PDB file of N, CA and C in Angstrom:
ATOM      1  N   UNK A   1       0.820  -1.183   0.000  1.00  0.00           N
ATOM      2  CA  UNK A   1       0.000   0.000   0.000  1.00  0.00           C
ATOM      3  C   UNK A   1       0.868   1.253   0.000  1.00  0.00           C
ATOM      4  N   UNK A   2       1.997   1.174   0.583  1.00  0.00           N
ATOM      5  CA  UNK A   2       2.902   2.311   0.634  1.00  0.00           C
ATOM      6  C   UNK A   2       3.374   2.703  -0.771  1.00  0.00           C
ATOM      7  N   UNK A   3       3.628   1.715  -1.609  1.00  0.00           N
ATOM      8  CA  UNK A   3       4.057   1.984  -2.976  1.00  0.00           C
ATOM      9  C   UNK A   3       2.963   2.685  -3.764  1.00  0.00           C
ATOM     10  N   UNK A   4       1.730   2.258  -3.577  1.00  0.00           N
ATOM     11  CA  UNK A   4       0.600   2.883  -4.261  1.00  0.00           C
ATOM     12  C   UNK A   4       0.437   4.337  -3.827  1.00  0.00           C
ATOM     13  N   UNK A   5       0.582   4.587  -2.542  1.00  0.00           N
ATOM     14  CA  UNK A   5       0.473   5.953  -2.022  1.00  0.00           C
ATOM     15  C   UNK A   5       1.577   6.832  -2.594  1.00  0.00           C
ATOM     16  N   UNK A   6       2.784   6.303  -2.662  1.00  0.00           N
ATOM     17  CA  UNK A   6       3.909   7.047  -3.218  1.00  0.00           C
ATOM     18  C   UNK A   6       3.670   7.377  -4.683  1.00  0.00           C
ATOM     19  N   UNK A   7       3.163   6.405  -5.429  1.00  0.00           N
ATOM     20  CA  UNK A   7       2.886   6.629  -6.845  1.00  0.00           C
ATOM     21  C   UNK A   7       1.793   7.676  -7.040  1.00  0.00           C
ATOM     22  N   UNK A   8       0.768   7.646  -6.177  1.00  0.00           N
ATOM     23  CA  UNK A   8      -0.308   8.633  -6.271  1.00  0.00           C
ATOM     24  C   UNK A   8       0.202  10.033  -5.957  1.00  0.00           C
ATOM     25  N   UNK A   9       1.062  10.136  -4.945  1.00  0.00           N
ATOM     26  CA  UNK A   9       1.634  11.439  -4.603  1.00  0.00           C
ATOM     27  C   UNK A   9       2.497  11.957  -5.756  1.00  0.00           C
ATOM     28  N   UNK A  10       3.287  11.083  -6.334  1.00  0.00           N
ATOM     29  CA  UNK A  10       4.136  11.464  -7.456  1.00  0.00           C
ATOM     30  C   UNK A  10       3.294  11.912  -8.637  1.00  0.00           C
ATOM     31  N   UNK A  11       2.220  11.179  -8.918  1.00  0.00           N
ATOM     32  CA  UNK A  11       1.312  11.549 -10.001  1.00  0.00           C
ATOM     33  C   UNK A  11       0.687  12.917  -9.737  1.00  0.00           C
ATOM     34  N   UNK A  12       0.294  13.166  -8.493  1.00  0.00           N
ATOM     35  CA  UNK A  12      -0.311  14.451  -8.125  1.00  0.00           C
ATOM     36  C   UNK A  12       0.673  15.597  -8.314  1.00  0.00           C
ATOM     37  N   UNK A  13       1.911  15.382  -7.908  1.00  0.00           N
ATOM     38  CA  UNK A  13       2.937  16.416  -8.062  1.00  0.00           C
ATOM     39  C   UNK A  13       3.198  16.692  -9.540  1.00  0.00           C
ATOM     40  N   UNK A  14       3.306  15.640 -10.332  1.00  0.00           N
ATOM     41  CA  UNK A  14       3.547  15.805 -11.766  1.00  0.00           C
ATOM     42  C   UNK A  14       2.381  16.532 -12.422  1.00  0.00           C
ATOM     43  N   UNK A  15       1.172  16.150 -12.069  1.00  0.00           N
ATOM     44  CA  UNK A  15      -0.017  16.799 -12.625  1.00  0.00           C
ATOM     45  C   UNK A  15      -0.063  18.266 -12.224  1.00  0.00           C
ATOM     46  N   UNK A  16       0.187  18.544 -10.950  1.00  0.00           N
ATOM     47  CA  UNK A  16       0.181  19.915 -10.458  1.00  0.00           C
ATOM     48  C   UNK A  16       1.277  20.728 -11.143  1.00  0.00           C
ATOM     49  N   UNK A  17       2.459  20.166 -11.248  1.00  0.00           N
ATOM     50  CA  UNK A  17       3.583  20.852 -11.881  1.00  0.00           C
ATOM     51  C   UNK A  17       3.263  21.159 -13.339  1.00  0.00           C
ATOM     52  N   UNK A  18       2.691  20.215 -14.041  1.00  0.00           N
ATOM     53  CA  UNK A  18       2.309  20.435 -15.438  1.00  0.00           C
ATOM     54  C   UNK A  18       1.277  21.531 -15.577  1.00  0.00           C
ATOM     55  N   UNK A  19       0.341  21.603 -14.648  1.00  0.00           N
ATOM     56  CA  UNK A  19      -0.686  22.646 -14.671  1.00  0.00           C
ATOM     57  C   UNK A  19      -0.069  24.011 -14.412  1.00  0.00           C
ATOM     58  N   UNK A  20       0.845  24.084 -13.451  1.00  0.00           N
ATOM     59  CA  UNK A  20       1.495  25.352 -13.118  1.00  0.00           C
ATOM     60  C   UNK A  20       2.322  25.847 -14.298  1.00  0.00           C
ATOM     61  N   UNK A  21       3.021  24.951 -14.966  1.00  0.00           N
ATOM     62  CA  UNK A  21       3.860  25.335 -16.099  1.00  0.00           C
ATOM     63  C   UNK A  21       3.009  25.776 -17.284  1.00  0.00           C
ATOM     64  N   UNK A  22       1.950  25.056 -17.581  1.00  0.00           N
ATOM     65  CA  UNK A  22       1.161  25.361 -18.772  1.00  0.00           C
ATOM     66  C   UNK A  22       0.209  26.530 -18.580  1.00  0.00           C
ATOM     67  N   UNK A  23      -0.150  26.856 -17.358  1.00  0.00           N
ATOM     68  CA  UNK A  23      -1.110  27.931 -17.112  1.00  0.00           C
ATOM     69  C   UNK A  23      -0.627  29.283 -17.630  1.00  0.00           C
ATOM     70  N   UNK A  24       0.616  29.732 -17.372  1.00  0.00           N
ATOM     71  CA  UNK A  24       1.041  31.026 -17.913  1.00  0.00           C
ATOM     72  C   UNK A  24       1.029  31.056 -19.445  1.00  0.00           C
ATOM     73  N   UNK A  25       1.369  29.968 -20.062  1.00  0.00           N
ATOM     74  CA  UNK A  25       1.359  29.910 -21.522  1.00  0.00           C
ATOM     75  C   UNK A  25      -0.060  30.071 -22.037  1.00  0.00           C
ATOM     76  N   UNK A  26      -1.000  29.374 -21.410  1.00  0.00           N
ATOM     77  CA  UNK A  26      -2.393  29.488 -21.822  1.00  0.00           C
ATOM     78  C   UNK A  26      -2.952  30.867 -21.501  1.00  0.00           C
ATOM     79  N   UNK A  27      -2.513  31.471 -20.404  1.00  0.00           N
ATOM     80  CA  UNK A  27      -3.006  32.793 -20.019  1.00  0.00           C
ATOM     81  C   UNK A  27      -2.587  33.846 -21.036  1.00  0.00           C
ATOM     82  N   UNK A  28      -1.442  33.684 -21.665  1.00  0.00           N
ATOM     83  CA  UNK A  28      -0.944  34.650 -22.640  1.00  0.00           C
ATOM     84  C   UNK A  28      -1.425  34.375 -24.052  1.00  0.00           C
ATOM     85  N   UNK A  29      -2.317  33.451 -24.208  1.00  0.00           N
ATOM     86  CA  UNK A  29      -2.746  33.037 -25.543  1.00  0.00           C
ATOM     87  C   UNK A  29      -3.226  34.200 -26.399  1.00  0.00           C
ATOM     88  N   UNK A  30      -4.004  35.113 -25.819  1.00  0.00           N
ATOM     89  CA  UNK A  30      -4.570  36.207 -26.592  1.00  0.00           C
ATOM     90  C   UNK A  30      -3.794  37.508 -26.440  1.00  0.00           C
ATOM     91  N   UNK A  31      -2.716  37.513 -25.708  1.00  0.00           N
ATOM     92  CA  UNK A  31      -1.945  38.734 -25.491  1.00  0.00           C
ATOM     93  C   UNK A  31      -0.814  38.820 -26.501  1.00  0.00           C
ATOM     94  N   UNK A  32      -0.330  40.023 -26.718  1.00  0.00           N
ATOM     95  CA  UNK A  32       0.740  40.217 -27.694  1.00  0.00           C
ATOM     96  C   UNK A  32       2.111  39.879 -27.136  1.00  0.00           C
ATOM     97  N   UNK A  33       2.206  39.494 -25.853  1.00  0.00           N
ATOM     98  CA  UNK A  33       3.496  39.174 -25.259  1.00  0.00           C
ATOM     99  C   UNK A  33       4.134  37.968 -25.925  1.00  0.00           C
ATOM    100  N   UNK A  34       3.327  37.042 -26.378  1.00  0.00           N
ATOM    101  CA  UNK A  34       3.846  35.872 -27.073  1.00  0.00           C
ATOM    102  C   UNK A  34       3.477  36.039 -28.538  1.00  0.00           C
ATOM    103  N   UNK A  35       4.393  36.556 -29.322  1.00  0.00           N
ATOM    104  CA  UNK A  35       4.108  36.861 -30.719  1.00  0.00           C
ATOM    105  C   UNK A  35       5.116  36.186 -31.632  1.00  0.00           C
ATOM    106  N   UNK A  36       4.818  35.033 -32.105  1.00  0.00           N
ATOM    107  CA  UNK A  36       5.667  34.364 -33.081  1.00  0.00           C
ATOM    108  C   UNK A  36       5.100  34.642 -34.459  1.00  0.00           C
ATOM    109  N   UNK A  37       5.964  34.888 -35.459  1.00  0.00           N
ATOM    110  CA  UNK A  37       5.441  35.147 -36.798  1.00  0.00           C
ATOM    111  C   UNK A  37       4.779  33.909 -37.378  1.00  0.00           C
ATOM    112  N   UNK A  38       3.749  34.135 -38.157  1.00  0.00           N
ATOM    113  CA  UNK A  38       3.076  33.020 -38.807  1.00  0.00           C
ATOM    114  C   UNK A  38       3.942  32.499 -39.945  1.00  0.00           C
ATOM    115  N   UNK A  39       3.596  31.347 -40.462  1.00  0.00           N
ATOM    116  CA  UNK A  39       4.329  30.770 -41.586  1.00  0.00           C
ATOM    117  C   UNK A  39       4.286  31.713 -42.778  1.00  0.00           C
ATOM    118  N   UNK A  40       3.124  32.326 -43.014  1.00  0.00           N
ATOM    119  CA  UNK A  40       2.988  33.238 -44.148  1.00  0.00           C
ATOM    120  C   UNK A  40       3.914  34.436 -43.997  1.00  0.00           C
ATOM    121  N   UNK A  41       4.013  34.993 -42.779  1.00  0.00           N
ATOM    122  CA  UNK A  41       4.883  36.135 -42.553  1.00  0.00           C
ATOM    123  C   UNK A  41       6.338  35.761 -42.776  1.00  0.00           C
ATOM    124  N   UNK A  42       6.741  34.597 -42.306  1.00  0.00           N
ATOM    125  CA  UNK A  42       8.115  34.152 -42.466  1.00  0.00           C
ATOM    126  C   UNK A  42       8.447  33.929 -43.932  1.00  0.00           C
ATOM    127  N   UNK A  43       7.547  33.287 -44.663  1.00  0.00           N
ATOM    128  CA  UNK A  43       7.803  33.013 -46.071  1.00  0.00           C
ATOM    129  C   UNK A  43       7.819  34.292 -46.891  1.00  0.00           C
ATOM    130  N   UNK A  44       7.028  35.274 -46.517  1.00  0.00           N
ATOM    131  CA  UNK A  44       6.992  36.515 -47.273  1.00  0.00           C
ATOM    132  C   UNK A  44       8.224  37.355 -46.985  1.00  0.00           C
ATOM    133  N   UNK A  45       8.676  37.363 -45.746  1.00  0.00           N
ATOM    134  CA  UNK A  45       9.797  38.209 -45.372  1.00  0.00           C
ATOM    135  C   UNK A  45      11.124  37.661 -45.883  1.00  0.00           C
ATOM    136  N   UNK A  46      11.287  36.358 -45.926  1.00  0.00           N
ATOM    137  CA  UNK A  46      12.570  35.769 -46.291  1.00  0.00           C
ATOM    138  C   UNK A  46      13.061  36.178 -47.674  1.00  0.00           C
ATOM    139  N   UNK A  47      12.259  36.081 -48.733  1.00  0.00           N
ATOM    140  CA  UNK A  47      12.777  36.458 -50.036  1.00  0.00           C
ATOM    141  C   UNK A  47      13.176  37.925 -50.124  1.00  0.00           C
ATOM    142  N   UNK A  48      12.433  38.818 -49.505  1.00  0.00           N
ATOM    143  CA  UNK A  48      12.763  40.229 -49.629  1.00  0.00           C
ATOM    144  C   UNK A  48      14.080  40.551 -48.937  1.00  0.00           C
ATOM    145  N   UNK A  49      14.351  39.941 -47.767  1.00  0.00           N
ATOM    146  CA  UNK A  49      15.614  40.212 -47.100  1.00  0.00           C
ATOM    147  C   UNK A  49      16.773  39.594 -47.866  1.00  0.00           C
ATOM    148  N   UNK A  50      16.575  38.433 -48.471  1.00  0.00           N
ATOM    149  CA  UNK A  50      17.628  37.814 -49.271  1.00  0.00           C
ATOM    150  C   UNK A  50      17.890  38.631 -50.524  1.00  0.00           C
ATOM    151  N   UNK A  51      16.830  39.137 -51.144  1.00  0.00           N
ATOM    152  CA  UNK A  51      16.995  39.933 -52.350  1.00  0.00           C
ATOM    153  C   UNK A  51      17.718  41.234 -52.050  1.00  0.00           C
ATOM    154  N   UNK A  52      17.484  41.820 -50.892  1.00  0.00           N
ATOM    155  CA  UNK A  52      18.139  43.071 -50.539  1.00  0.00           C
ATOM    156  C   UNK A  52      19.641  42.881 -50.407  1.00  0.00           C
ATOM    157  N   UNK A  53      20.082  41.721 -49.949  1.00  0.00           N
ATOM    158  CA  UNK A  53      21.497  41.466 -49.742  1.00  0.00           C
ATOM    159  C   UNK A  53      22.168  40.842 -50.953  1.00  0.00           C
ATOM    160  N   UNK A  54      21.426  40.552 -52.006  1.00  0.00           N
ATOM    161  CA  UNK A  54      21.979  39.889 -53.175  1.00  0.00           C
ATOM    162  C   UNK A  54      22.584  40.883 -54.149  1.00  0.00           C
ATOM    163  N   UNK A  55      23.621  40.418 -54.831  1.00  0.00           N
ATOM    164  CA  UNK A  55      24.193  41.174 -55.937  1.00  0.00           C
ATOM    165  C   UNK A  55      23.527  40.636 -57.195  1.00  0.00           C
ATOM    166  N   UNK A  56      22.859  41.490 -57.915  1.00  0.00           N
ATOM    167  CA  UNK A  56      22.126  41.074 -59.116  1.00  0.00           C
ATOM    168  C   UNK A  56      23.100  40.987 -60.284  1.00  0.00           C
ATOM    169  N   UNK A  57      23.421  39.770 -60.649  1.00  0.00           N
ATOM    170  CA  UNK A  57      24.432  39.490 -61.660  1.00  0.00           C
ATOM    171  C   UNK A  57      24.116  40.131 -63.008  1.00  0.00           C
ATOM    172  N   UNK A  58      22.852  40.228 -63.360  1.00  0.00           N
ATOM    173  CA  UNK A  58      22.474  40.758 -64.672  1.00  0.00           C
ATOM    174  C   UNK A  58      22.318  42.273 -64.718  1.00  0.00           C
ATOM    175  N   UNK A  59      22.434  42.939 -63.589  1.00  0.00           N
ATOM    176  CA  UNK A  59      22.274  44.396 -63.618  1.00  0.00           C
ATOM    177  C   UNK A  59      23.299  45.160 -62.794  1.00  0.00           C
ATOM    178  N   UNK A  60      24.115  44.478 -62.018  1.00  0.00           N
ATOM    179  CA  UNK A  60      25.083  45.154 -61.149  1.00  0.00           C
ATOM    180  C   UNK A  60      26.189  45.817 -61.958  1.00  0.00           C
ATOM    181  N   UNK A  61      26.628  46.954 -61.473  1.00  0.00           N
ATOM    182  CA  UNK A  61      27.774  47.631 -62.081  1.00  0.00           C
ATOM    183  C   UNK A  61      29.049  46.928 -61.624  1.00  0.00           C
ATOM    184  N   UNK A  62      30.161  47.258 -62.255  1.00  0.00           N
ATOM    185  CA  UNK A  62      31.444  46.681 -61.858  1.00  0.00           C
ATOM    186  C   UNK A  62      31.746  47.023 -60.398  1.00  0.00           C
ATOM    187  N   UNK A  63      31.417  48.239 -59.994  1.00  0.00           N
ATOM    188  CA  UNK A  63      31.664  48.651 -58.609  1.00  0.00           C
ATOM    189  C   UNK A  63      30.811  47.841 -57.632  1.00  0.00           C
ATOM    190  N   UNK A  64      29.562  47.583 -57.977  1.00  0.00           N
ATOM    191  CA  UNK A  64      28.686  46.788 -57.111  1.00  0.00           C
ATOM    192  C   UNK A  64      29.174  45.349 -57.019  1.00  0.00           C
ATOM    193  N   UNK A  65      29.650  44.801 -58.123  1.00  0.00           N
ATOM    194  CA  UNK A  65      30.181  43.433 -58.122  1.00  0.00           C
ATOM    195  C   UNK A  65      31.428  43.353 -57.250  1.00  0.00           C
ATOM    196  N   UNK A  66      32.309  44.329 -57.397  1.00  0.00           N
ATOM    197  CA  UNK A  66      33.550  44.351 -56.623  1.00  0.00           C
ATOM    198  C   UNK A  66      33.262  44.482 -55.126  1.00  0.00           C
ATOM    199  N   UNK A  67      32.338  45.338 -54.791  1.00  0.00           N
ATOM    200  CA  UNK A  67      32.009  45.589 -53.387  1.00  0.00           C
ATOM    201  C   UNK A  67      31.236  44.433 -52.748  1.00  0.00           C
ATOM    202  N   UNK A  68      30.347  43.800 -53.511  1.00  0.00           N
ATOM    203  CA  UNK A  68      29.441  42.820 -52.934  1.00  0.00           C
ATOM    204  C   UNK A  68      29.880  41.373 -52.994  1.00  0.00           C
ATOM    205  N   UNK A  69      30.931  41.070 -53.757  1.00  0.00           N
ATOM    206  CA  UNK A  69      31.335  39.669 -53.920  1.00  0.00           C
ATOM    207  C   UNK A  69      32.705  39.408 -53.312  1.00  0.00           C
ATOM    208  N   UNK A  70      32.894  38.188 -52.860  1.00  0.00           N
ATOM    209  CA  UNK A  70      34.154  37.768 -52.247  1.00  0.00           C
ATOM    210  C   UNK A  70      35.164  37.384 -53.321  1.00  0.00           C
ATOM    211  N   UNK A  71      36.378  37.884 -53.217  1.00  0.00           N
ATOM    212  CA  UNK A  71      37.440  37.518 -54.146  1.00  0.00           C
ATOM    213  C   UNK A  71      37.309  38.139 -55.527  1.00  0.00           C
ATOM    214  N   UNK A  72      36.480  39.149 -55.653  1.00  0.00           N
ATOM    215  CA  UNK A  72      36.290  39.829 -56.937  1.00  0.00           C
ATOM    216  C   UNK A  72      36.822  41.250 -56.798  1.00  0.00           C
ATOM    217  N   UNK A  73      37.902  41.511 -57.535  1.00  0.00           N
ATOM    218  CA  UNK A  73      38.472  42.851 -57.551  1.00  0.00           C
ATOM    219  C   UNK A  73      37.961  43.623 -58.753  1.00  0.00           C
ATOM    220  N   UNK A  74      38.576  44.761 -58.999  1.00  0.00           N
ATOM    221  CA  UNK A  74      38.133  45.646 -60.081  1.00  0.00           C
ATOM    222  C   UNK A  74      38.228  44.972 -61.449  1.00  0.00           C
ATOM    223  N   UNK A  75      39.321  44.255 -61.704  1.00  0.00           N
ATOM    224  CA  UNK A  75      39.507  43.626 -63.028  1.00  0.00           C
ATOM    225  C   UNK A  75      38.488  42.513 -63.275  1.00  0.00           C
ATOM    226  N   UNK A  76      38.274  41.666 -62.287  1.00  0.00           N
ATOM    227  CA  UNK A  76      37.303  40.579 -62.463  1.00  0.00           C
ATOM    228  C   UNK A  76      35.882  41.130 -62.559  1.00  0.00           C
ATOM    229  N   UNK A  77      35.590  42.160 -61.793  1.00  0.00           N
ATOM    230  CA  UNK A  77      34.265  42.774 -61.861  1.00  0.00           C
ATOM    231  C   UNK A  77      34.026  43.350 -63.254  1.00  0.00           C
ATOM    232  N   UNK A  78      35.031  44.002 -63.805  1.00  0.00           N
ATOM    233  CA  UNK A  78      34.906  44.558 -65.155  1.00  0.00           C
ATOM    234  C   UNK A  78      34.761  43.434 -66.177  1.00  0.00           C
ATOM    235  N   UNK A  79      35.467  42.322 -65.967  1.00  0.00           N
ATOM    236  CA  UNK A  79      35.355  41.176 -66.878  1.00  0.00           C
ATOM    237  C   UNK A  79      33.933  40.603 -66.856  1.00  0.00           C
ATOM    238  N   UNK A  80      33.302  40.596 -65.700  1.00  0.00           N
ATOM    239  CA  UNK A  80      31.916  40.109 -65.598  1.00  0.00           C
ATOM    240  C   UNK A  80      30.988  41.012 -66.400  1.00  0.00           C
ATOM    241  N   UNK A  81      31.146  42.313 -66.247  1.00  0.00           N
ATOM    242  CA  UNK A  81      30.299  43.270 -66.978  1.00  0.00           C
ATOM    243  C   UNK A  81      30.516  43.125 -68.482  1.00  0.00           C
ATOM    244  N   UNK A  82      31.765  43.002 -68.910  1.00  0.00           N
ATOM    245  CA  UNK A  82      32.066  42.861 -70.341  1.00  0.00           C
ATOM    246  C   UNK A  82      31.498  41.559 -70.896  1.00  0.00           C
ATOM    247  N   UNK A  83      31.598  40.478 -70.137  1.00  0.00           N
ATOM    248  CA  UNK A  83      31.028  39.197 -70.563  1.00  0.00           C
ATOM    249  C   UNK A  83      29.521  39.335 -70.751  1.00  0.00           C
ATOM    250  N   UNK A  84      28.880  39.981 -69.799  1.00  0.00           N
ATOM    251  CA  UNK A  84      27.427  40.173 -69.858  1.00  0.00           C
ATOM    252  C   UNK A  84      27.039  41.035 -71.059  1.00  0.00           C
ATOM    253  N   UNK A  85      27.809  42.081 -71.335  1.00  0.00           N
ATOM    254  CA  UNK A  85      27.517  42.953 -72.479  1.00  0.00           C
ATOM    255  C   UNK A  85      27.700  42.216 -73.803  1.00  0.00           C
ATOM    256  N   UNK A  86      28.681  41.333 -73.854  1.00  0.00           N
ATOM    257  CA  UNK A  86      28.975  40.590 -75.090  1.00  0.00           C
ATOM    258  C   UNK A  86      28.008  39.426 -75.305  1.00  0.00           C
ATOM    259  N   UNK A  87      27.666  38.708 -74.232  1.00  0.00           N
ATOM    260  CA  UNK A  87      26.894  37.465 -74.348  1.00  0.00           C
ATOM    261  C   UNK A  87      25.437  37.567 -73.897  1.00  0.00           C
ATOM    262  N   UNK A  88      25.036  38.695 -73.394  1.00  0.00           N
ATOM    263  CA  UNK A  88      23.676  38.828 -72.876  1.00  0.00           C
ATOM    264  C   UNK A  88      23.618  38.428 -71.411  1.00  0.00           C
ATOM    265  N   UNK A  89      22.433  38.510 -70.854  1.00  0.00           N
ATOM    266  CA  UNK A  89      22.248  38.206 -69.434  1.00  0.00           C
ATOM    267  C   UNK A  89      22.632  36.772 -69.095  1.00  0.00           C
ATOM    268  N   UNK A  90      23.089  36.604 -67.867  1.00  0.00           N
ATOM    269  CA  UNK A  90      23.381  35.270 -67.353  1.00  0.00           C
ATOM    270  C   UNK A  90      22.062  34.524 -67.184  1.00  0.00           C
ATOM    271  N   UNK A  91      22.062  33.255 -67.536  1.00  0.00           N
ATOM    272  CA  UNK A  91      20.851  32.450 -67.354  1.00  0.00           C
ATOM    273  C   UNK A  91      20.954  31.562 -66.115  1.00  0.00           C
ATOM    274  N   UNK A  92      22.157  31.463 -65.550  1.00  0.00           N
ATOM    275  CA  UNK A  92      22.346  30.729 -64.297  1.00  0.00           C
ATOM    276  C   UNK A  92      23.558  31.296 -63.573  1.00  0.00           C
ATOM    277  N   UNK A  93      23.601  31.097 -62.288  1.00  0.00           N
ATOM    278  CA  UNK A  93      24.744  31.536 -61.485  1.00  0.00           C
ATOM    279  C   UNK A  93      25.999  30.780 -61.923  1.00  0.00           C
ATOM    280  N   UNK A  94      25.847  29.502 -62.275  1.00  0.00           N
ATOM    281  CA  UNK A  94      26.985  28.684 -62.698  1.00  0.00           C
ATOM    282  C   UNK A  94      27.679  29.243 -63.935  1.00  0.00           C
ATOM    283  N   UNK A  95      26.953  29.965 -64.768  1.00  0.00           N
ATOM    284  CA  UNK A  95      27.518  30.543 -65.986  1.00  0.00           C
ATOM    285  C   UNK A  95      28.614  31.563 -65.665  1.00  0.00           C
ATOM    286  N   UNK A  96      28.636  32.066 -64.457  1.00  0.00           N
ATOM    287  CA  UNK A  96      29.674  33.012 -64.044  1.00  0.00           C
ATOM    288  C   UNK A  96      31.066  32.402 -64.189  1.00  0.00           C
ATOM    289  N   UNK A  97      31.177  31.085 -64.070  1.00  0.00           N
ATOM    290  CA  UNK A  97      32.467  30.408 -64.217  1.00  0.00           C
ATOM    291  C   UNK A  97      33.000  30.503 -65.642  1.00  0.00           C
ATOM    292  N   UNK A  98      32.166  30.884 -66.601  1.00  0.00           N
ATOM    293  CA  UNK A  98      32.610  31.052 -67.988  1.00  0.00           C
ATOM    294  C   UNK A  98      33.382  32.352 -68.195  1.00  0.00           C
ATOM    295  N   UNK A  99      33.322  33.251 -67.228  1.00  0.00           N
ATOM    296  CA  UNK A  99      34.043  34.521 -67.324  1.00  0.00           C
ATOM    297  C   UNK A  99      35.518  34.250 -67.056  1.00  0.00           C
ATOM    298  N   UNK A 100      36.380  34.801 -67.912  1.00  0.00           N
ATOM    299  CA  UNK A 100      37.827  34.609 -67.765  1.00  0.00           C
ATOM    300  C   UNK A 100      38.287  35.073 -66.383  1.00  0.00           C
ATOM    301  N   UNK A 101      39.038  34.217 -65.695  1.00  0.00           N
ATOM    302  CA  UNK A 101      39.585  34.560 -64.390  1.00  0.00           C
ATOM    303  C   UNK A 101      38.694  34.191 -63.216  1.00  0.00           C
ATOM    304  N   UNK A 102      37.514  33.652 -63.498  1.00  0.00           N
ATOM    305  CA  UNK A 102      36.607  33.261 -62.417  1.00  0.00           C
ATOM    306  C   UNK A 102      36.355  31.764 -62.517  1.00  0.00           C
ATOM    307  N   UNK A 103      36.738  31.058 -61.478  1.00  0.00           N
ATOM    308  CA  UNK A 103      36.570  29.611 -61.477  1.00  0.00           C
ATOM    309  C   UNK A 103      35.363  29.171 -60.672  1.00  0.00           C
ATOM    310  N   UNK A 104      35.156  27.867 -60.663  1.00  0.00           N
ATOM    311  CA  UNK A 104      34.011  27.294 -59.947  1.00  0.00           C
ATOM    312  C   UNK A 104      34.085  27.570 -58.443  1.00  0.00           C
ATOM    313  N   UNK A 105      35.299  27.589 -57.902  1.00  0.00           N
ATOM    314  CA  UNK A 105      35.448  27.850 -56.462  1.00  0.00           C
ATOM    315  C   UNK A 105      34.953  29.251 -56.108  1.00  0.00           C
ATOM    316  N   UNK A 106      35.254  30.213 -56.949  1.00  0.00           N
ATOM    317  CA  UNK A 106      34.787  31.586 -56.716  1.00  0.00           C
ATOM    318  C   UNK A 106      33.273  31.661 -56.832  1.00  0.00           C
ATOM    319  N   UNK A 107      32.717  30.941 -57.793  1.00  0.00           N
ATOM    320  CA  UNK A 107      31.258  30.910 -57.952  1.00  0.00           C
ATOM    321  C   UNK A 107      30.624  30.332 -56.693  1.00  0.00           C
ATOM    322  N   UNK A 108      31.141  29.219 -56.204  1.00  0.00           N
ATOM    323  CA  UNK A 108      30.580  28.577 -55.010  1.00  0.00           C
ATOM    324  C   UNK A 108      30.707  29.473 -53.778  1.00  0.00           C
ATOM    325  N   UNK A 109      31.824  30.160 -53.665  1.00  0.00           N
ATOM    326  CA  UNK A 109      32.063  31.047 -52.528  1.00  0.00           C
ATOM    327  C   UNK A 109      31.057  32.203 -52.500  1.00  0.00           C
ATOM    328  N   UNK A 110      30.565  32.586 -53.681  1.00  0.00           N
ATOM    329  CA  UNK A 110      29.664  33.734 -53.796  1.00  0.00           C
ATOM    330  C   UNK A 110      28.215  33.367 -54.087  1.00  0.00           C
ATOM    331  N   UNK A 111      27.926  32.097 -54.259  1.00  0.00           N
ATOM    332  CA  UNK A 111      26.582  31.677 -54.671  1.00  0.00           C
ATOM    333  C   UNK A 111      25.485  32.276 -53.780  1.00  0.00           C
ATOM    334  N   UNK A 112      25.708  32.270 -52.477  1.00  0.00           N
ATOM    335  CA  UNK A 112      24.692  32.785 -51.548  1.00  0.00           C
ATOM    336  C   UNK A 112      24.517  34.304 -51.637  1.00  0.00           C
ATOM    337  N   UNK A 113      25.441  34.976 -52.289  1.00  0.00           N
ATOM    338  CA  UNK A 113      25.373  36.435 -52.423  1.00  0.00           C
ATOM    339  C   UNK A 113      24.774  36.876 -53.748  1.00  0.00           C
ATOM    340  N   UNK A 114      24.577  35.936 -54.669  1.00  0.00           N
ATOM    341  CA  UNK A 114      24.188  36.275 -56.039  1.00  0.00           C
ATOM    342  C   UNK A 114      22.719  36.025 -56.335  1.00  0.00           C
ATOM    343  N   UNK A 115      22.208  36.848 -57.208  1.00  0.00           N
ATOM    344  CA  UNK A 115      20.878  36.663 -57.786  1.00  0.00           C
ATOM    345  C   UNK A 115      20.994  37.029 -59.253  1.00  0.00           C
ATOM    346  N   UNK A 116      20.092  36.494 -60.065  1.00  0.00           N
ATOM    347  CA  UNK A 116      20.103  36.850 -61.482  1.00  0.00           C
ATOM    348  C   UNK A 116      19.312  38.114 -61.632  1.00  0.00           C
TER     349      UNK A 116
END
């Protein structure tokens, strides 16, 4: 009987503890103190913040390319602009490796910074 009493007391404590912990969360349900963004808000905000930080490969000036990309100096930035003027807009980020002096490693290093 002692074991049963101990188990009942333990169950009561666990139940009480769970109620105490969950009560503040439930109490704030309608208040603005607990404000997590909805899925729609997160999905809408993500592209705009990524686009703001991206270097647009098809419209960036040589100065913007030099400033915004890793391992790209003035000469390589100018080579990108000249390639684009000669061949038209880039159709993929990978096509950047076709520019003289820019290899696949440089493309990979900058992929997260680039947009078409």
